Structure formats: structure tokens, C-alpha cells
Amino acid sequence: MDVSTAKILVSTLLVFAILFFSLFSFRMIVSEIGRDLKRVRGQRAAAGRRPPEA
């Protein structure tokens, strides 16, 4: 294997590693936002069922 082929393979590997990490991070962020929204929605629903405080 010559040097240029090795450089191309290493560069390709790095690009795929960065892409995988970025997609994984994006998925985690979206799931965290979904959990937060679900929790807030539950809190609002529970607040609507409580009698108003005087």
C-alpha cells in the first residue's frame, strides 16, 4: 500500500467517525428535548387538575 492510499483510507475513516459521532449527538439532543417536553406537558396537565390556590 502506498502512502497516498493510506492517507485516503485514514481520511475516510476520520470522516465516517466524525459523521457517526455527529449523528449520535444529534439523536441524543433530540431525545433529550422530547423528554423535557413530555415532562413539562405532564406538569401542566397535573397543574390543571389541582384546585386553584388562594
C-alpha atoms as a PDB file:
ATOM      1  CA  MET A   1       0.000   0.000   0.000  1.00  0.00           C
ATOM      2  CA  ASP A   2       1.448   3.333  -0.972  1.00  0.00           C
ATOM      3  CA  VAL A   3       1.338   6.485   1.115  1.00  0.00           C
ATOM      4  CA  SER A   4      -1.425   8.234  -0.813  1.00  0.00           C
ATOM      5  CA  THR A   5      -3.763   5.243  -0.479  1.00  0.00           C
ATOM      6  CA  ALA A   6      -3.116   5.064   3.252  1.00  0.00           C
ATOM      7  CA  LYS A   7      -3.840   8.794   3.625  1.00  0.00           C
ATOM      8  CA  ILE A   8      -7.118   8.412   1.729  1.00  0.00           C
ATOM      9  CA  LEU A   9      -8.177   5.461   3.888  1.00  0.00           C
ATOM     10  CA  VAL A  10      -7.327   7.257   7.133  1.00  0.00           C
ATOM     11  CA  SER A  11      -9.102  10.418   5.981  1.00  0.00           C
ATOM     12  CA  THR A  12     -12.186   8.408   5.025  1.00  0.00           C
ATOM     13  CA  LEU A  13     -12.178   6.666   8.377  1.00  0.00           C
ATOM     14  CA  LEU A  14     -11.942  10.001  10.201  1.00  0.00           C
ATOM     15  CA  VAL A  15     -14.802  11.476   8.162  1.00  0.00           C
ATOM     16  CA  PHE A  16     -17.032   8.497   8.964  1.00  0.00           C
ATOM     17  CA  ALA A  17     -16.104   8.650  12.649  1.00  0.00           C
ATOM     18  CA  ILE A  18     -16.989  12.355  12.792  1.00  0.00           C
ATOM     19  CA  LEU A  19     -20.234  11.731  10.902  1.00  0.00           C
ATOM     20  CA  PHE A  20     -21.217   8.889  13.236  1.00  0.00           C
ATOM     21  CA  PHE A  21     -20.462  10.967  16.332  1.00  0.00           C
ATOM     22  CA  SER A  22     -22.419  13.932  14.948  1.00  0.00           C
ATOM     23  CA  LEU A  23     -25.478  11.819  14.152  1.00  0.00           C
ATOM     24  CA  PHE A  24     -25.328  10.139  17.567  1.00  0.00           C
ATOM     25  CA  SER A  25     -25.054  13.519  19.314  1.00  0.00           C
ATOM     26  CA  PHE A  26     -27.949  14.933  17.287  1.00  0.00           C
ATOM     27  CA  ARG A  27     -30.098  11.929  18.184  1.00  0.00           C
ATOM     28  CA  MET A  28     -29.301  12.354  21.885  1.00  0.00           C
ATOM     29  CA  ILE A  29     -30.159  16.067  21.764  1.00  0.00           C
ATOM     30  CA  VAL A  30     -33.495  15.396  20.044  1.00  0.00           C
ATOM     31  CA  SER A  31     -34.397  12.664  22.554  1.00  0.00           C
ATOM     32  CA  GLU A  32     -33.484  14.968  25.473  1.00  0.00           C
ATOM     33  CA  ILE A  33     -35.724  17.701  24.065  1.00  0.00           C
ATOM     34  CA  GLY A  34     -38.543  15.162  23.679  1.00  0.00           C
ATOM     35  CA  ARG A  35     -38.179  14.021  27.296  1.00  0.00           C
ATOM     36  CA  ASP A  36     -38.180  17.625  28.519  1.00  0.00           C
ATOM     37  CA  LEU A  37     -41.314  18.455  26.525  1.00  0.00           C
ATOM     38  CA  LYS A  38     -43.072  15.343  27.789  1.00  0.00           C
ATOM     39  CA  ARG A  39     -42.178  16.232  31.401  1.00  0.00           C
ATOM     40  CA  VAL A  40     -43.428  19.819  31.007  1.00  0.00           C
ATOM     41  CA  ARG A  41     -46.638  18.605  29.387  1.00  0.00           C
ATOM     42  CA  GLY A  42     -47.216  16.266  32.336  1.00  0.00           C
ATOM     43  CA  GLN A  43     -46.583  19.067  34.820  1.00  0.00           C
ATOM     44  CA  ARG A  44     -49.044  21.341  33.036  1.00  0.00           C
ATOM     45  CA  ALA A  45     -51.686  18.614  32.984  1.00  0.00           C
ATOM     46  CA  ALA A  46     -51.168  17.936  36.698  1.00  0.00           C
ATOM     47  CA  ALA A  47     -51.384  21.663  37.469  1.00  0.00           C
ATOM     48  CA  GLY A  48     -54.683  21.854  35.592  1.00  0.00           C
ATOM     49  CA  ARG A  49     -56.199  19.098  37.759  1.00  0.00           C
ATOM     50  CA  ARG A  50     -55.246  20.714  41.073  1.00  0.00           C
ATOM     51  CA  PRO A  51     -57.667  23.114  42.718  1.00  0.00           C
ATOM     52  CA  PRO A  52     -56.544  26.743  42.372  1.00  0.00           C
ATOM     53  CA  GLU A  53     -54.525  28.053  45.270  1.00  0.00           C
ATOM     54  CA  ALA A  54     -55.917  31.118  47.015  1.00  0.00           C
END
